[in-house]
Amino acid sequence: MIVEDELAKLKRFREFLRSEDKEVFDDLLNQCRLYASYASSTASPLKEIPLIISILFGQHKRLMELEKNIKSNDNDRRLATYADVGD
């Protein structure tokens, strides 16, 4: 798979990262792998494009989930505040 070949090239970059950064980098690449098969279906003359698209998609999905959780927590706090006022 093209994406796996490109990810293998990034191992040298990983070697120079600090331990805590390696964990972040590994997580980033794992997110990439989740969507790599979908991104590989894009017709692009650049082999890196599916890699970048899958990383961006994974990060965007995480952002949307975090935003949803924040909104939900805000709503829960507002309901709790109204409940406290009513008592």
Protein backbone atom coordinates (compact mmCIF):
# COMPACT_ATOMS: atom_id res chain seq x y z
CA MET A 1 0.00 0.00 0.00
CA ILE A 2 1.33 3.42 -0.92
CA VAL A 3 0.47 5.00 2.42
CA GLU A 4 2.33 2.32 4.36
CA ASP A 5 5.38 2.88 2.16
CA GLU A 6 5.25 6.59 2.90
CA LEU A 7 4.78 5.97 6.63
CA ALA A 8 7.83 3.71 6.62
CA LYS A 9 9.88 6.61 5.29
CA LEU A 10 8.95 8.64 8.36
CA LYS A 11 10.66 6.23 10.77
CA ARG A 12 13.90 8.18 10.52
CA PHE A 13 12.08 11.34 11.60
CA ARG A 14 10.66 9.46 14.57
CA GLU A 15 14.13 8.38 15.69
CA PHE A 16 15.08 12.00 16.41
CA LEU A 17 12.00 12.81 18.49
CA ARG A 18 11.97 12.94 22.28
CA SER A 19 10.20 10.06 24.03
CA GLU A 20 7.01 12.02 24.75
CA ASP A 21 6.94 13.28 21.16
CA LYS A 22 7.34 9.75 19.80
CA GLU A 23 4.08 8.82 21.51
CA VAL A 24 2.30 11.74 19.82
CA PHE A 25 3.87 10.88 16.48
CA ASP A 26 2.87 7.22 16.77
CA ASP A 27 -0.69 8.24 17.55
CA LEU A 28 -0.72 10.52 14.51
CA LEU A 29 0.46 7.70 12.26
CA ASN A 30 -2.08 5.30 13.75
CA GLN A 31 -4.83 7.80 12.96
CA CYS A 32 -3.46 7.97 9.43
CA ARG A 33 -3.65 4.20 9.08
CA LEU A 34 -7.33 4.22 10.09
CA TYR A 35 -8.29 6.17 6.97
CA ALA A 36 -5.43 5.24 4.63
CA SER A 37 -7.46 2.84 2.52
CA TYR A 38 -10.07 5.53 1.84
CA ALA A 39 -7.47 8.18 1.09
CA SER A 40 -5.60 5.82 -1.23
CA SER A 41 -8.59 5.88 -3.54
CA THR A 42 -7.82 9.50 -4.44
CA ALA A 43 -6.18 9.93 -7.80
CA SER A 44 -3.11 12.04 -7.16
CA PRO A 45 0.24 12.30 -8.90
CA LEU A 46 1.85 12.85 -5.48
CA LYS A 47 2.16 9.78 -3.28
CA GLU A 48 2.06 11.92 -0.13
CA ILE A 49 -1.44 13.28 -0.78
CA PRO A 50 -3.35 10.23 0.56
CA LEU A 51 -1.14 10.33 3.66
CA ILE A 52 -1.86 14.00 4.26
CA ILE A 53 -5.58 13.62 3.59
CA SER A 54 -5.92 10.71 6.01
CA ILE A 55 -4.00 12.62 8.73
CA LEU A 56 -6.12 15.73 8.20
CA PHE A 57 -9.32 13.71 8.24
CA GLY A 58 -8.37 11.96 11.48
CA GLN A 59 -7.45 15.25 13.14
CA HIS A 60 -10.61 16.97 11.94
CA LYS A 61 -12.74 14.12 13.21
CA ARG A 62 -11.08 14.40 16.63
CA LEU A 63 -11.70 18.15 16.69
CA MET A 64 -15.37 17.66 15.91
CA GLU A 65 -15.68 15.07 18.68
CA LEU A 66 -13.99 17.42 21.16
CA GLU A 67 -16.26 20.30 20.14
CA LYS A 68 -19.29 18.07 20.60
CA ASN A 69 -18.08 17.04 24.07
CA ILE A 70 -17.44 20.66 25.06
CA LYS A 71 -20.91 21.72 23.95
CA SER A 72 -22.45 18.78 25.80
CA ASN A 73 -20.53 19.64 28.97
CA ASP A 74 -21.56 23.30 28.67
CA ASN A 75 -25.20 22.27 28.34
CA ASP A 76 -24.90 19.96 31.35
CA ARG A 77 -23.41 22.81 33.42
CA ARG A 78 -26.19 25.18 32.36
CA LEU A 79 -28.85 22.64 33.32
CA ALA A 80 -27.15 22.06 36.68
CA THR A 81 -27.02 25.83 37.29
CA TYR A 82 -30.73 26.21 36.51
CA ALA A 83 -31.54 23.27 38.77
CA ASP A 84 -29.57 24.87 41.62
CA VAL A 85 -31.39 28.19 41.14
CA GLY A 86 -34.75 26.47 41.23
CA ASP A 87 -34.07 24.78 44.60
